[in-house]
Amino acid sequence: MVDRAFVFRIYPNREEEVLSAKTFGCCRFVWNRMLTDKKIW
């Protein structure tokens, strides 16, 4: 069996950096909210 890996590096522009930060921030908020709701019940 041969182990292979591909490594990709991206260089987003400023607009893409902002969009990524907003997207991941929203995902983190939703994840934490759902986790809190699950722990309460």
PDB file of N, CA and C in Angstrom:
ATOM      1  N   MET A   1       0.844  -1.176   0.000  1.00  0.00           N
ATOM      2  CA  MET A   1       0.000   0.000   0.000  1.00  0.00           C
ATOM      3  C   MET A   1       0.891   1.241   0.000  1.00  0.00           C
ATOM      4  N   VAL A   2       0.544   2.183  -0.822  1.00  0.00           N
ATOM      5  CA  VAL A   2       1.339   3.402  -0.953  1.00  0.00           C
ATOM      6  C   VAL A   2       0.585   4.555  -0.310  1.00  0.00           C
ATOM      7  N   ASP A   3       1.237   5.232   0.608  1.00  0.00           N
ATOM      8  CA  ASP A   3       0.633   6.410   1.231  1.00  0.00           C
ATOM      9  C   ASP A   3       1.010   7.644   0.422  1.00  0.00           C
ATOM     10  N   ARG A   4       0.020   8.399   0.050  1.00  0.00           N
ATOM     11  CA  ARG A   4       0.256   9.620  -0.719  1.00  0.00           C
ATOM     12  C   ARG A   4      -0.535  10.755  -0.104  1.00  0.00           C
ATOM     13  N   ALA A   5       0.014  11.914  -0.259  1.00  0.00           N
ATOM     14  CA  ALA A   5      -0.683  13.096   0.248  1.00  0.00           C
ATOM     15  C   ALA A   5      -0.501  14.232  -0.742  1.00  0.00           C
ATOM     16  N   PHE A   6      -1.506  15.034  -0.849  1.00  0.00           N
ATOM     17  CA  PHE A   6      -1.444  16.236  -1.668  1.00  0.00           C
ATOM     18  C   PHE A   6      -1.574  17.424  -0.744  1.00  0.00           C
ATOM     19  N   VAL A   7      -0.716  18.374  -0.912  1.00  0.00           N
ATOM     20  CA  VAL A   7      -0.751  19.576  -0.093  1.00  0.00           C
ATOM     21  C   VAL A   7      -1.059  20.747  -1.006  1.00  0.00           C
ATOM     22  N   PHE A   8      -2.092  21.489  -0.650  1.00  0.00           N
ATOM     23  CA  PHE A   8      -2.479  22.652  -1.429  1.00  0.00           C
ATOM     24  C   PHE A   8      -2.379  23.887  -0.545  1.00  0.00           C
ATOM     25  N   ARG A   9      -1.864  24.930  -1.078  1.00  0.00           N
ATOM     26  CA  ARG A   9      -1.770  26.184  -0.350  1.00  0.00           C
ATOM     27  C   ARG A   9      -2.572  27.218  -1.131  1.00  0.00           C
ATOM     28  N   ILE A  10      -3.439  27.920  -0.431  1.00  0.00           N
ATOM     29  CA  ILE A  10      -4.243  28.941  -1.104  1.00  0.00           C
ATOM     30  C   ILE A  10      -3.817  30.314  -0.619  1.00  0.00           C
ATOM     31  N   TYR A  11      -3.972  31.265  -1.481  1.00  0.00           N
ATOM     32  CA  TYR A  11      -3.630  32.647  -1.159  1.00  0.00           C
ATOM     33  C   TYR A  11      -4.849  33.519  -1.456  1.00  0.00           C
ATOM     34  N   PRO A  12      -5.769  33.603  -0.491  1.00  0.00           N
ATOM     35  CA  PRO A  12      -6.994  34.378  -0.738  1.00  0.00           C
ATOM     36  C   PRO A  12      -6.711  35.887  -0.735  1.00  0.00           C
ATOM     37  N   ASN A  13      -7.522  36.593  -1.501  1.00  0.00           N
ATOM     38  CA  ASN A  13      -7.420  38.046  -1.455  1.00  0.00           C
ATOM     39  C   ASN A  13      -8.181  38.551  -0.224  1.00  0.00           C
ATOM     40  N   ARG A  14      -8.169  39.834  -0.013  1.00  0.00           N
ATOM     41  CA  ARG A  14      -8.761  40.412   1.206  1.00  0.00           C
ATOM     42  C   ARG A  14     -10.252  40.083   1.318  1.00  0.00           C
ATOM     43  N   GLU A  15     -10.971  40.181   0.221  1.00  0.00           N
ATOM     44  CA  GLU A  15     -12.412  39.907   0.235  1.00  0.00           C
ATOM     45  C   GLU A  15     -12.687  38.456   0.618  1.00  0.00           C
ATOM     46  N   GLU A  16     -11.893  37.538   0.097  1.00  0.00           N
ATOM     47  CA  GLU A  16     -12.076  36.123   0.424  1.00  0.00           C
ATOM     48  C   GLU A  16     -11.705  35.833   1.876  1.00  0.00           C
ATOM     49  N   GLU A  17     -10.706  36.514   2.403  1.00  0.00           N
ATOM     50  CA  GLU A  17     -10.347  36.350   3.818  1.00  0.00           C
ATOM     51  C   GLU A  17     -11.492  36.775   4.725  1.00  0.00           C
ATOM     52  N   VAL A  18     -12.107  37.900   4.394  1.00  0.00           N
ATOM     53  CA  VAL A  18     -13.223  38.404   5.200  1.00  0.00           C
ATOM     54  C   VAL A  18     -14.401  37.443   5.130  1.00  0.00           C
ATOM     55  N   LEU A  19     -14.715  36.971   3.935  1.00  0.00           N
ATOM     56  CA  LEU A  19     -15.833  36.036   3.770  1.00  0.00           C
ATOM     57  C   LEU A  19     -15.581  34.739   4.536  1.00  0.00           C
ATOM     58  N   SER A  20     -14.358  34.230   4.485  1.00  0.00           N
ATOM     59  CA  SER A  20     -14.020  33.005   5.222  1.00  0.00           C
ATOM     60  C   SER A  20     -14.154  33.219   6.723  1.00  0.00           C
ATOM     61  N   ALA A  21     -13.670  34.342   7.208  1.00  0.00           N
ATOM     62  CA  ALA A  21     -13.762  34.633   8.640  1.00  0.00           C
ATOM     63  C   ALA A  21     -15.213  34.712   9.088  1.00  0.00           C
ATOM     64  N   LYS A  22     -16.064  35.336   8.297  1.00  0.00           N
ATOM     65  CA  LYS A  22     -17.488  35.429   8.637  1.00  0.00           C
ATOM     66  C   LYS A  22     -18.149  34.053   8.619  1.00  0.00           C
ATOM     67  N   THR A  23     -17.830  33.257   7.603  1.00  0.00           N
ATOM     68  CA  THR A  23     -18.425  31.931   7.469  1.00  0.00           C
ATOM     69  C   THR A  23     -18.038  31.029   8.637  1.00  0.00           C
ATOM     70  N   PHE A  24     -16.735  30.974   8.952  1.00  0.00           N
ATOM     71  CA  PHE A  24     -16.290  30.113  10.043  1.00  0.00           C
ATOM     72  C   PHE A  24     -16.766  30.628  11.395  1.00  0.00           C
ATOM     73  N   GLY A  25     -16.881  31.937  11.539  1.00  0.00           N
ATOM     74  CA  GLY A  25     -17.411  32.495  12.775  1.00  0.00           C
ATOM     75  C   GLY A  25     -18.860  32.084  12.986  1.00  0.00           C
ATOM     76  N   CYS A  26     -19.626  32.114  11.913  1.00  0.00           N
ATOM     77  CA  CYS A  26     -21.032  31.707  11.983  1.00  0.00           C
ATOM     78  C   CYS A  26     -21.147  30.219  12.298  1.00  0.00           C
ATOM     79  N   CYS A  27     -20.330  29.409  11.633  1.00  0.00           N
ATOM     80  CA  CYS A  27     -20.349  27.956  11.888  1.00  0.00           C
ATOM     81  C   CYS A  27     -19.986  27.655  13.332  1.00  0.00           C
ATOM     82  N   ARG A  28     -18.990  28.352  13.851  1.00  0.00           N
ATOM     83  CA  ARG A  28     -18.569  28.143  15.239  1.00  0.00           C
ATOM     84  C   ARG A  28     -19.694  28.526  16.194  1.00  0.00           C
ATOM     85  N   PHE A  29     -20.387  29.632  15.911  1.00  0.00           N
ATOM     86  CA  PHE A  29     -21.498  30.055  16.750  1.00  0.00           C
ATOM     87  C   PHE A  29     -22.613  29.006  16.766  1.00  0.00           C
ATOM     88  N   VAL A  30     -22.988  28.529  15.575  1.00  0.00           N
ATOM     89  CA  VAL A  30     -24.065  27.533  15.480  1.00  0.00           C
ATOM     90  C   VAL A  30     -23.657  26.247  16.187  1.00  0.00           C
ATOM     91  N   TRP A  31     -22.414  25.796  15.966  1.00  0.00           N
ATOM     92  CA  TRP A  31     -21.931  24.566  16.617  1.00  0.00           C
ATOM     93  C   TRP A  31     -22.014  24.696  18.132  1.00  0.00           C
ATOM     94  N   ASN A  32     -21.495  25.795  18.669  1.00  0.00           N
ATOM     95  CA  ASN A  32     -21.508  25.987  20.113  1.00  0.00           C
ATOM     96  C   ASN A  32     -22.927  26.104  20.655  1.00  0.00           C
ATOM     97  N   ARG A  33     -23.808  26.725  19.900  1.00  0.00           N
ATOM     98  CA  ARG A  33     -25.199  26.862  20.327  1.00  0.00           C
ATOM     99  C   ARG A  33     -25.877  25.492  20.398  1.00  0.00           C
ATOM    100  N   MET A  34     -25.677  24.684  19.369  1.00  0.00           N
ATOM    101  CA  MET A  34     -26.266  23.345  19.354  1.00  0.00           C
ATOM    102  C   MET A  34     -25.663  22.470  20.454  1.00  0.00           C
ATOM    103  N   LEU A  35     -24.364  22.620  20.713  1.00  0.00           N
ATOM    104  CA  LEU A  35     -23.726  21.860  21.769  1.00  0.00           C
ATOM    105  C   LEU A  35     -24.305  22.235  23.133  1.00  0.00           C
ATOM    106  N   THR A  36     -24.521  23.523  23.340  1.00  0.00           N
ATOM    107  CA  THR A  36     -25.128  23.987  24.596  1.00  0.00           C
ATOM    108  C   THR A  36     -26.543  23.437  24.749  1.00  0.00           C
ATOM    109  N   ASP A  37     -27.313  23.488  23.669  1.00  0.00           N
ATOM    110  CA  ASP A  37     -28.689  22.960  23.718  1.00  0.00           C
ATOM    111  C   ASP A  37     -28.694  21.455  24.038  1.00  0.00           C
ATOM    112  N   LYS A  38     -27.749  20.735  23.490  1.00  0.00           N
ATOM    113  CA  LYS A  38     -27.684  19.300  23.741  1.00  0.00           C
ATOM    114  C   LYS A  38     -27.325  19.005  25.190  1.00  0.00           C
ATOM    115  N   LYS A  39     -26.425  19.785  25.756  1.00  0.00           N
ATOM    116  CA  LYS A  39     -26.002  19.569  27.155  1.00  0.00           C
ATOM    117  C   LYS A  39     -27.117  19.900  28.131  1.00  0.00           C
ATOM    118  N   ILE A  40     -27.936  20.854  27.798  1.00  0.00           N
ATOM    119  CA  ILE A  40     -29.023  21.256  28.692  1.00  0.00           C
ATOM    120  C   ILE A  40     -30.074  20.159  28.771  1.00  0.00           C
ATOM    121  N   TRP A  41     -30.401  19.532  27.661  1.00  0.00           N
ATOM    122  CA  TRP A  41     -31.459  18.531  27.655  1.00  0.00           C
ATOM    123  C   TRP A  41     -30.888  17.254  28.040  1.00  0.00           C
TER     124      TRP A  41
END
